[in-house]
Amino acid sequence: MLGEKVGNISGPTAVKALPATNGNPTFETTAAGLSGTLAGVEVQSFATYSAEMKPNGKLYGECPNAGVVMTADGVATFRATGVGQFMEDGSAVFKGVVYFEASAPSLASIDGIAVVYDWVVDPQGNATWDLWEWK
């Protein structure tokens, strides 16, 4: 069941093509210097993830413990998976699950829980990451 909204983080992304996987296009996205709130505190976030386009045009993406969230009192790392697609207007939309490992006391409430998300990147490369606790 979807719980309370625990975060909203946004900022610029950059995409590059990687070698194809089994003939399927693969993309790498870097999200550097995103900012917003997570668990009620101001954060900055950095991550790199890759997504493979499947034959049906859908995307499967992973951030394999390559994400960091920084707060005034420490950090959290995260791993995420999601499914998505490119939209007609050039944007991309992903939905998935992210797991945080927090050493920052201010992020203790999200440490080790499942968090579901919407990740939307507009045609100019600006991303918005909305996060909800999954109960």
C-alpha atoms as a PDB file:
ATOM      1  CA  MET A   1       0.000   0.000   0.000  1.00  0.00           C
ATOM      2  CA  LEU A   2       1.265   3.468  -0.850  1.00  0.00           C
ATOM      3  CA  GLY A   3       2.218   5.419   2.247  1.00  0.00           C
ATOM      4  CA  GLU A   4       3.221   9.003   2.904  1.00  0.00           C
ATOM      5  CA  LYS A   5       5.206  11.021   0.412  1.00  0.00           C
ATOM      6  CA  VAL A   6       8.778  11.099   1.714  1.00  0.00           C
ATOM      7  CA  GLY A   7      10.546  13.173  -0.896  1.00  0.00           C
ATOM      8  CA  ASN A   8      10.746  15.400  -3.927  1.00  0.00           C
ATOM      9  CA  ILE A   9      14.115  15.946  -5.585  1.00  0.00           C
ATOM     10  CA  SER A  10      14.765  17.643  -8.916  1.00  0.00           C
ATOM     11  CA  GLY A  11      17.503  18.900 -11.196  1.00  0.00           C
ATOM     12  CA  PRO A  12      19.439  18.373 -14.421  1.00  0.00           C
ATOM     13  CA  THR A  13      20.421  15.084 -16.046  1.00  0.00           C
ATOM     14  CA  ALA A  14      22.711  14.076 -18.897  1.00  0.00           C
ATOM     15  CA  VAL A  15      22.266  10.996 -21.099  1.00  0.00           C
ATOM     16  CA  LYS A  16      24.728   9.103 -23.251  1.00  0.00           C
ATOM     17  CA  ALA A  17      24.509   5.929 -25.309  1.00  0.00           C
ATOM     18  CA  LEU A  18      26.312   2.813 -24.087  1.00  0.00           C
ATOM     19  CA  PRO A  19      27.136  -0.309 -26.102  1.00  0.00           C
ATOM     20  CA  ALA A  20      23.973  -2.236 -26.968  1.00  0.00           C
ATOM     21  CA  THR A  21      22.992  -5.221 -24.826  1.00  0.00           C
ATOM     22  CA  ASN A  22      21.910  -8.215 -26.934  1.00  0.00           C
ATOM     23  CA  GLY A  23      21.123  -5.779 -29.753  1.00  0.00           C
ATOM     24  CA  ASN A  24      19.033  -3.544 -27.474  1.00  0.00           C
ATOM     25  CA  PRO A  25      19.998   0.134 -27.075  1.00  0.00           C
ATOM     26  CA  THR A  26      21.373   0.981 -23.640  1.00  0.00           C
ATOM     27  CA  PHE A  27      21.528   4.462 -22.106  1.00  0.00           C
ATOM     28  CA  GLU A  28      23.408   5.881 -19.135  1.00  0.00           C
ATOM     29  CA  THR A  29      21.959   8.808 -17.210  1.00  0.00           C
ATOM     30  CA  THR A  30      23.918  10.953 -14.803  1.00  0.00           C
ATOM     31  CA  ALA A  31      21.946  13.064 -12.348  1.00  0.00           C
ATOM     32  CA  ALA A  32      24.346  15.448 -10.625  1.00  0.00           C
ATOM     33  CA  GLY A  33      23.509  18.209  -8.196  1.00  0.00           C
ATOM     34  CA  LEU A  34      19.815  17.478  -7.799  1.00  0.00           C
ATOM     35  CA  SER A  35      18.228  19.096  -4.757  1.00  0.00           C
ATOM     36  CA  GLY A  36      15.039  18.913  -2.750  1.00  0.00           C
ATOM     37  CA  THR A  37      13.713  17.265   0.372  1.00  0.00           C
ATOM     38  CA  LEU A  38      13.830  13.683   1.608  1.00  0.00           C
ATOM     39  CA  ALA A  39      12.416  12.548   4.949  1.00  0.00           C
ATOM     40  CA  GLY A  40      11.709  16.195   5.734  1.00  0.00           C
ATOM     41  CA  VAL A  41      15.280  17.494   5.316  1.00  0.00           C
ATOM     42  CA  GLU A  42      17.061  19.396   2.559  1.00  0.00           C
ATOM     43  CA  VAL A  43      19.246  17.129   0.420  1.00  0.00           C
ATOM     44  CA  GLN A  44      21.479  17.056  -2.610  1.00  0.00           C
ATOM     45  CA  SER A  45      21.534  13.912  -4.726  1.00  0.00           C
ATOM     46  CA  PHE A  46      23.948  12.392  -7.235  1.00  0.00           C
ATOM     47  CA  ALA A  47      23.399   9.173  -9.194  1.00  0.00           C
ATOM     48  CA  THR A  48      24.307   7.242 -12.305  1.00  0.00           C
ATOM     49  CA  TYR A  49      21.976   4.661 -13.746  1.00  0.00           C
ATOM     50  CA  SER A  50      21.588   2.696 -16.946  1.00  0.00           C
ATOM     51  CA  ALA A  51      18.487   1.649 -18.846  1.00  0.00           C
ATOM     52  CA  GLU A  52      18.117  -0.957 -21.558  1.00  0.00           C
ATOM     53  CA  MET A  53      15.425  -0.570 -24.197  1.00  0.00           C
ATOM     54  CA  LYS A  54      13.565  -3.832 -24.685  1.00  0.00           C
ATOM     55  CA  PRO A  55      12.224  -4.966 -28.101  1.00  0.00           C
ATOM     56  CA  ASN A  56       8.747  -3.609 -27.177  1.00  0.00           C
ATOM     57  CA  GLY A  57      10.206  -0.105 -26.661  1.00  0.00           C
ATOM     58  CA  LYS A  58       9.915  -0.176 -22.862  1.00  0.00           C
ATOM     59  CA  LEU A  59      12.951   0.562 -20.696  1.00  0.00           C
ATOM     60  CA  TYR A  60      14.336  -1.375 -17.741  1.00  0.00           C
ATOM     61  CA  GLY A  61      16.698   0.668 -15.594  1.00  0.00           C
ATOM     62  CA  GLU A  62      18.988   0.122 -12.616  1.00  0.00           C
ATOM     63  CA  CYS A  63      20.999   2.274 -10.277  1.00  0.00           C
ATOM     64  CA  PRO A  64      23.148  -0.473  -8.694  1.00  0.00           C
ATOM     65  CA  ASN A  65      24.197   1.240  -5.458  1.00  0.00           C
ATOM     66  CA  ALA A  66      25.475   4.192  -7.502  1.00  0.00           C
ATOM     67  CA  GLY A  67      23.350   6.867  -5.829  1.00  0.00           C
ATOM     68  CA  VAL A  68      24.209   9.251  -2.993  1.00  0.00           C
ATOM     69  CA  VAL A  69      22.048  11.647  -0.990  1.00  0.00           C
ATOM     70  CA  MET A  70      23.823  14.242   1.160  1.00  0.00           C
ATOM     71  CA  THR A  71      22.369  16.155   4.100  1.00  0.00           C
ATOM     72  CA  ALA A  72      23.859  18.553   6.642  1.00  0.00           C
ATOM     73  CA  ASP A  73      24.374  15.642   9.065  1.00  0.00           C
ATOM     74  CA  GLY A  74      25.609  12.902   6.753  1.00  0.00           C
ATOM     75  CA  VAL A  75      24.813  10.753   3.749  1.00  0.00           C
ATOM     76  CA  ALA A  76      22.737   7.901   2.412  1.00  0.00           C
ATOM     77  CA  THR A  77      23.457   5.641  -0.524  1.00  0.00           C
ATOM     78  CA  PHE A  78      20.781   4.031  -2.628  1.00  0.00           C
ATOM     79  CA  ARG A  79      20.045   1.388  -5.205  1.00  0.00           C
ATOM     80  CA  ALA A  80      17.006   1.460  -7.456  1.00  0.00           C
ATOM     81  CA  THR A  81      15.258  -0.409 -10.248  1.00  0.00           C
ATOM     82  CA  GLY A  82      12.474   0.769 -12.495  1.00  0.00           C
ATOM     83  CA  VAL A  83      10.571   0.417 -15.719  1.00  0.00           C
ATOM     84  CA  GLY A  84       9.825   3.265 -18.063  1.00  0.00           C
ATOM     85  CA  GLN A  85       9.454   4.583 -21.536  1.00  0.00           C
ATOM     86  CA  PHE A  86      10.233   7.516 -23.767  1.00  0.00           C
ATOM     87  CA  MET A  87       7.224   9.710 -24.461  1.00  0.00           C
ATOM     88  CA  GLU A  88       6.282  11.296 -27.798  1.00  0.00           C
ATOM     89  CA  ASP A  89       7.394  14.751 -26.617  1.00  0.00           C
ATOM     90  CA  GLY A  90      10.941  13.518 -25.860  1.00  0.00           C
ATOM     91  CA  SER A  91      10.442  13.114 -22.121  1.00  0.00           C
ATOM     92  CA  ALA A  92      10.979   9.867 -20.209  1.00  0.00           C
ATOM     93  CA  VAL A  93       8.948   8.412 -17.346  1.00  0.00           C
ATOM     94  CA  PHE A  94      10.071   5.680 -14.929  1.00  0.00           C
ATOM     95  CA  LYS A  95       8.339   4.023 -11.997  1.00  0.00           C
ATOM     96  CA  GLY A  96      10.180   1.806  -9.571  1.00  0.00           C
ATOM     97  CA  VAL A  97      11.512   0.996  -6.135  1.00  0.00           C
ATOM     98  CA  VAL A  98      14.499   2.477  -4.313  1.00  0.00           C
ATOM     99  CA  TYR A  99      16.232   1.315  -1.128  1.00  0.00           C
ATOM    100  CA  PHE A 100      18.272   3.728   0.998  1.00  0.00           C
ATOM    101  CA  GLU A 101      21.102   2.902   3.408  1.00  0.00           C
ATOM    102  CA  ALA A 102      21.407   5.960   5.623  1.00  0.00           C
ATOM    103  CA  SER A 103      24.174   6.908   8.013  1.00  0.00           C
ATOM    104  CA  ALA A 104      22.740  10.436   8.365  1.00  0.00           C
ATOM    105  CA  PRO A 105      20.561  10.564  11.509  1.00  0.00           C
ATOM    106  CA  SER A 106      18.092  12.846   9.711  1.00  0.00           C
ATOM    107  CA  LEU A 107      17.404  10.087   7.149  1.00  0.00           C
ATOM    108  CA  ALA A 108      16.942   7.252   9.669  1.00  0.00           C
ATOM    109  CA  SER A 109      13.206   7.006   8.863  1.00  0.00           C
ATOM    110  CA  ILE A 110      13.933   5.824   5.295  1.00  0.00           C
ATOM    111  CA  ASP A 111      16.854   3.539   6.143  1.00  0.00           C
ATOM    112  CA  GLY A 112      16.136   0.009   4.966  1.00  0.00           C
ATOM    113  CA  ILE A 113      12.537   0.511   3.835  1.00  0.00           C
ATOM    114  CA  ALA A 114      11.040   0.123   0.369  1.00  0.00           C
ATOM    115  CA  VAL A 115      10.312   3.465  -1.288  1.00  0.00           C
ATOM    116  CA  VAL A 116       8.407   3.671  -4.572  1.00  0.00           C
ATOM    117  CA  TYR A 117       9.011   6.484  -7.002  1.00  0.00           C
ATOM    118  CA  ASP A 118       8.075   8.364 -10.146  1.00  0.00           C
ATOM    119  CA  TRP A 119      11.083   9.668 -12.106  1.00  0.00           C
ATOM    120  CA  VAL A 120      10.120  12.071 -14.882  1.00  0.00           C
ATOM    121  CA  VAL A 121      12.659  13.704 -17.192  1.00  0.00           C
ATOM    122  CA  ASP A 122      11.360  16.495 -19.429  1.00  0.00           C
ATOM    123  CA  PRO A 123      12.568  16.943 -23.039  1.00  0.00           C
ATOM    124  CA  GLN A 124      15.284  19.373 -21.844  1.00  0.00           C
ATOM    125  CA  GLY A 125      16.760  16.820 -19.399  1.00  0.00           C
ATOM    126  CA  ASN A 126      15.317  18.227 -16.157  1.00  0.00           C
ATOM    127  CA  ALA A 127      14.264  15.467 -13.776  1.00  0.00           C
ATOM    128  CA  THR A 128      11.741  15.307 -10.962  1.00  0.00           C
ATOM    129  CA  TRP A 129      11.911  12.417  -8.495  1.00  0.00           C
ATOM    130  CA  ASP A 130       8.829  11.942  -6.296  1.00  0.00           C
ATOM    131  CA  LEU A 131       9.097   9.305  -3.550  1.00  0.00           C
ATOM    132  CA  TRP A 132       6.556   7.528  -1.316  1.00  0.00           C
ATOM    133  CA  GLU A 133       6.956   5.008   1.473  1.00  0.00           C
ATOM    134  CA  TRP A 134       5.666   1.568   0.492  1.00  0.00           C
ATOM    135  CA  LYS A 135       3.825   0.049   3.453  1.00  0.00           C
END
